[in-house]
Amino acid sequence: MSLLVPGSLALVTGASSGIGRATCQVLAREGATVVVTCIDEANANETLKLLPGSYHSVYKYDVTDFHSSQDLMKTIVQKYNRPPNILVNCAAIVGFVTTLDETPETFQRVLQVNLMGIFFTCQAVCKELIAANLPGSIVNVSAISVLRGMEGLSAYTASKAGVDAITKCMARDMSEHNIRVNSVQPGGIATQMASGLGSRQKPSSSVPWISLLATKRTGQPQEVAEVITFLTSDRASYINGALVPVSGGY
């Protein structure tokens, strides 16, 4: 029996690799039609090839472009005759810059993608769901660094803390419309983004980051995707405004 309600339509941002790609795969496995979006359309098409079924679609989507979010919603509604009832916001950039090297431009860029991009994508989906009088579920991908901090990630961590705050506020704003909003906080996941962080660890660091995980191993993107998919489902109907760590006990 599939986890998701038959006929579920899911929009996933940042779906070209890592957690985004894995989320598309798990959502499709559980019966959803998936709209795969990313600024890198070629890699998004690679994700599409991995999905069972034939009614999925790919769109190039720049989350920092407000008008693009409106256009994307119109395109989806035209194609499927309804808005997505599931939204998973995976799009993000790391922006590894030390405190002393940070500039207004580098800081702002991270906030535009990681924070404003999520907010206005959520807004666009919520407006369409409300107009159609449909329930929905949103999962935003935050990061475990909001709980502990990491060197060189001030802008990234600030943006993800903002994502958690948006999640809490939006859950309250949207509850009367039967739209749930939750966050997952991944940490120690074996993705290209995470490997880049590990390579930047200072040689003087006395403890490798993996030793800080209770599991003493990295997590896989699918392990995060399974949690995300559960949160989008009706089996999580009483979970709203939650911030769920998926970090191996970091």
Protein backbone atom coordinates (compact mmCIF):
# COMPACT_ATOMS: atom_id res chain seq x y z
CA MET A 1 0.00 0.00 0.00
CA SER A 2 1.41 3.38 -1.01
CA LEU A 3 2.15 5.92 1.70
CA LEU A 4 0.65 8.85 -0.18
CA VAL A 5 -2.92 9.63 -1.16
CA PRO A 6 -3.60 8.48 -4.75
CA GLY A 7 -3.30 11.35 -7.19
CA SER A 8 -0.76 13.27 -5.09
CA LEU A 9 1.20 15.85 -7.06
CA ALA A 10 4.57 16.82 -5.59
CA LEU A 11 6.81 19.77 -6.45
CA VAL A 12 10.45 19.35 -5.44
CA THR A 13 13.00 22.17 -5.75
CA GLY A 14 16.74 21.58 -5.90
CA ALA A 15 16.02 18.15 -7.33
CA SER A 16 19.15 17.65 -9.43
CA SER A 17 21.11 15.64 -6.86
CA GLY A 18 21.47 14.62 -3.23
CA ILE A 19 18.46 14.93 -0.95
CA GLY A 20 16.36 16.55 -3.66
CA ARG A 21 16.92 13.70 -6.11
CA ALA A 22 16.34 11.05 -3.45
CA THR A 23 13.13 12.77 -2.37
CA CYS A 24 11.81 12.66 -5.92
CA GLN A 25 12.56 8.94 -6.06
CA VAL A 26 10.85 8.12 -2.76
CA LEU A 27 7.81 10.29 -3.51
CA ALA A 28 7.42 8.59 -6.89
CA ARG A 29 7.84 5.16 -5.30
CA GLU A 30 5.01 6.02 -2.91
CA GLY A 31 2.67 6.97 -5.71
CA ALA A 32 3.14 10.69 -6.28
CA THR A 33 3.47 12.39 -9.62
CA VAL A 34 6.60 14.50 -9.27
CA VAL A 35 7.45 17.89 -10.73
CA VAL A 36 11.26 17.94 -10.74
CA THR A 37 12.72 21.45 -10.64
CA CYS A 38 16.20 22.88 -10.47
CA ILE A 39 18.23 25.68 -11.99
CA ASP A 40 20.32 22.93 -13.66
CA GLU A 41 17.84 21.44 -16.11
CA ALA A 42 20.25 18.82 -17.43
CA ASN A 43 20.75 17.25 -14.01
CA ALA A 44 17.04 17.55 -13.29
CA ASN A 45 16.42 15.45 -16.39
CA GLU A 46 18.81 12.85 -15.01
CA THR A 47 16.64 12.72 -11.89
CA LEU A 48 13.55 12.28 -14.06
CA LYS A 49 15.06 9.18 -15.68
CA LEU A 50 15.24 7.52 -12.25
CA LEU A 51 11.54 7.88 -11.47
CA PRO A 52 9.02 5.08 -11.99
CA GLY A 53 5.98 6.13 -13.98
CA SER A 54 5.61 8.39 -16.97
CA TYR A 55 3.60 11.46 -15.95
CA HIS A 56 6.38 13.27 -14.11
CA SER A 57 7.84 16.49 -15.50
CA VAL A 58 10.92 18.71 -15.34
CA TYR A 59 11.12 22.48 -15.24
CA LYS A 60 14.05 24.83 -14.93
CA TYR A 61 13.35 26.98 -11.88
CA ASP A 62 15.34 29.79 -10.30
CA VAL A 63 14.03 30.11 -6.74
CA THR A 64 15.44 33.63 -6.44
CA ASP A 65 13.17 34.90 -9.22
CA PHE A 66 9.82 35.90 -7.70
CA HIS A 67 8.07 36.04 -11.06
CA SER A 68 9.45 32.62 -11.94
CA SER A 69 7.60 31.09 -8.98
CA GLN A 70 4.34 32.56 -10.22
CA ASP A 71 4.98 31.34 -13.76
CA LEU A 72 5.89 27.85 -12.53
CA MET A 73 2.60 27.56 -10.65
CA LYS A 74 0.64 28.59 -13.73
CA THR A 75 2.50 26.03 -15.84
CA ILE A 76 1.89 23.22 -13.35
CA VAL A 77 -1.80 24.02 -13.01
CA GLN A 78 -2.18 24.14 -16.79
CA LYS A 79 -0.48 20.76 -17.21
CA TYR A 80 -2.07 18.86 -14.33
CA ASN A 81 -5.29 20.84 -13.84
CA ARG A 82 -4.45 21.33 -10.18
CA PRO A 83 -1.67 22.76 -8.00
CA PRO A 84 0.80 20.50 -6.21
CA ASN A 85 -0.54 19.31 -2.86
CA ILE A 86 3.02 18.48 -1.78
CA LEU A 87 5.97 20.87 -1.81
CA VAL A 88 9.50 19.94 -0.76
CA ASN A 89 12.02 22.79 -0.72
CA CYS A 90 15.51 21.34 -1.18
CA ALA A 91 17.12 24.13 -3.23
CA ALA A 92 20.11 25.60 -1.39
CA ILE A 93 23.68 26.78 -1.68
CA VAL A 94 26.34 26.51 1.01
CA GLY A 95 28.37 29.67 0.54
CA PHE A 96 31.34 28.61 2.69
CA VAL A 97 32.96 31.91 3.70
CA THR A 98 34.73 32.69 6.96
CA THR A 99 33.47 35.46 9.20
CA LEU A 100 36.35 37.75 8.26
CA ASP A 101 35.94 37.13 4.52
CA GLU A 102 32.16 37.49 4.30
CA THR A 103 30.88 40.34 2.12
CA PRO A 104 27.39 41.82 1.75
CA GLU A 105 27.20 40.21 -1.70
CA THR A 106 28.11 36.67 -0.59
CA PHE A 107 25.85 36.87 2.46
CA GLN A 108 22.92 38.22 0.48
CA ARG A 109 23.25 35.56 -2.22
CA VAL A 110 22.89 32.77 0.34
CA LEU A 111 19.85 34.42 1.89
CA GLN A 112 18.25 34.91 -1.52
CA VAL A 113 18.50 31.24 -2.43
CA ASN A 114 18.11 29.51 0.93
CA LEU A 115 15.61 31.77 2.69
CA MET A 116 13.72 34.04 0.32
CA GLY A 117 13.58 31.33 -2.33
CA ILE A 118 11.85 28.97 0.07
CA PHE A 119 9.46 31.61 1.37
CA PHE A 120 8.20 32.75 -2.00
CA THR A 121 7.95 29.22 -3.39
CA CYS A 122 5.83 28.31 -0.37
CA GLN A 123 3.74 31.43 -0.86
CA ALA A 124 3.08 30.65 -4.52
CA VAL A 125 2.00 27.08 -3.76
CA CYS A 126 -0.17 28.11 -0.80
CA LYS A 127 -2.01 30.71 -2.87
CA GLU A 128 -2.86 28.12 -5.51
CA LEU A 129 -3.96 25.54 -2.93
CA ILE A 130 -6.19 28.06 -1.17
CA ALA A 131 -7.71 29.20 -4.46
CA ALA A 132 -8.49 25.56 -5.31
CA ASN A 133 -9.69 24.83 -1.75
CA LEU A 134 -7.25 21.93 -1.45
CA PRO A 135 -5.22 20.68 1.54
CA GLY A 136 -1.46 20.48 1.29
CA SER A 137 1.79 19.60 2.99
CA ILE A 138 5.10 21.45 2.79
CA VAL A 139 8.49 20.24 3.98
CA ASN A 140 11.40 22.67 4.06
CA VAL A 141 14.96 21.37 4.23
CA SER A 142 16.89 23.18 6.94
CA ALA A 143 20.19 21.99 8.49
CA ILE A 144 21.44 20.64 11.79
CA SER A 145 24.03 23.44 11.87
CA VAL A 146 21.32 25.74 13.26
CA LEU A 147 21.62 23.83 16.54
CA ARG A 148 25.41 23.72 16.86
CA GLY A 149 26.97 26.07 14.34
CA MET A 150 29.83 25.29 11.98
CA GLU A 151 32.91 27.28 11.09
CA GLY A 152 32.67 29.25 7.87
CA LEU A 153 28.90 28.86 7.62
CA SER A 154 27.51 32.01 9.18
CA ALA A 155 25.38 32.99 6.20
CA TYR A 156 24.28 29.42 5.49
CA THR A 157 23.35 28.73 9.10
CA ALA A 158 21.57 32.07 9.44
CA SER A 159 19.55 31.26 6.33
CA LYS A 160 18.61 27.82 7.64
CA ALA A 161 17.63 29.24 11.03
CA GLY A 162 15.38 31.56 9.06
CA VAL A 163 13.90 28.56 7.27
CA ASP A 164 12.98 27.04 10.62
CA ALA A 165 11.40 30.32 11.73
CA ILE A 166 9.42 30.56 8.50
CA THR A 167 8.26 26.98 9.01
CA LYS A 168 6.95 27.76 12.49
CA CYS A 169 5.17 30.94 11.41
CA MET A 170 3.78 29.53 8.18
CA ALA A 171 2.43 26.46 9.97
CA ARG A 172 0.27 28.79 12.05
CA ASP A 173 -0.69 31.02 9.13
CA MET A 174 -1.73 28.11 6.93
CA SER A 175 -3.38 25.81 9.48
CA GLU A 176 -6.84 27.27 8.84
CA HIS A 177 -6.40 26.30 5.19
CA ASN A 178 -5.45 22.70 6.06
CA ILE A 179 -1.88 23.17 4.85
CA ARG A 180 0.80 21.69 7.11
CA VAL A 181 4.38 23.03 7.13
CA ASN A 182 7.36 21.22 8.67
CA SER A 183 11.16 21.25 8.44
CA VAL A 184 13.79 18.55 8.44
CA GLN A 185 17.29 19.32 9.73
CA PRO A 186 19.75 17.00 7.95
CA GLY A 187 23.30 16.56 9.16
CA GLY A 188 26.16 14.27 8.24
CA ILE A 189 24.52 13.25 4.96
CA ALA A 190 26.66 11.91 2.13
CA THR A 191 25.94 14.51 -0.53
CA GLN A 192 28.13 16.53 -2.86
CA MET A 193 27.36 19.61 -0.78
CA ALA A 194 28.40 17.91 2.46
CA SER A 195 31.59 16.51 0.95
CA GLY A 196 32.56 20.05 0.06
CA LEU A 197 32.17 21.05 3.68
CA GLY A 198 34.28 18.16 4.90
CA SER A 199 37.10 19.10 2.55
CA ARG A 200 37.19 22.56 4.11
CA GLN A 201 37.67 21.34 7.66
CA LYS A 202 40.75 22.90 9.22
CA PRO A 203 43.76 20.58 9.48
CA SER A 204 44.08 21.70 13.10
CA SER A 205 40.64 20.30 13.98
CA SER A 206 41.27 17.69 16.66
CA VAL A 207 38.08 15.69 16.04
CA PRO A 208 36.86 14.67 12.56
CA TRP A 209 33.24 15.71 12.17
CA ILE A 210 32.02 12.16 11.57
CA SER A 211 33.11 11.21 15.08
CA LEU A 212 30.57 13.70 16.41
CA LEU A 213 27.73 11.57 15.04
CA ALA A 214 26.19 9.04 17.44
CA THR A 215 25.86 6.62 14.52
CA LYS A 216 29.56 7.02 13.65
CA ARG A 217 28.63 6.91 9.98
CA THR A 218 27.32 9.27 7.34
CA GLY A 219 23.66 9.19 6.43
CA GLN A 220 22.35 8.61 2.93
CA PRO A 221 20.10 11.06 1.05
CA GLN A 222 17.38 8.40 0.90
CA GLU A 223 17.27 8.29 4.71
CA VAL A 224 16.32 11.96 4.74
CA ALA A 225 13.92 11.47 1.83
CA GLU A 226 12.05 8.76 3.73
CA VAL A 227 11.42 11.17 6.62
CA ILE A 228 10.39 13.94 4.24
CA THR A 229 7.93 11.67 2.45
CA PHE A 230 6.40 10.53 5.73
CA LEU A 231 5.92 14.15 6.80
CA THR A 232 4.12 14.93 3.54
CA SER A 233 1.74 12.02 4.03
CA ASP A 234 -1.55 11.86 5.93
CA ARG A 235 0.12 9.53 8.42
CA ALA A 236 1.80 12.68 9.75
CA SER A 237 -1.50 14.57 9.92
CA TYR A 238 -0.91 15.78 13.50
CA ILE A 239 2.65 16.94 12.85
CA ASN A 240 2.72 20.64 12.04
CA GLY A 241 5.36 23.30 12.60
CA ALA A 242 7.87 20.60 13.61
CA LEU A 243 11.64 20.81 13.17
CA VAL A 244 12.81 17.23 12.72
CA PRO A 245 16.54 16.42 13.04
CA VAL A 246 17.80 13.74 10.66
CA SER A 247 21.42 13.82 11.67
CA GLY A 248 22.59 10.52 13.09
CA GLY A 249 22.60 11.97 16.59
CA TYR A 250 24.84 14.96 15.87
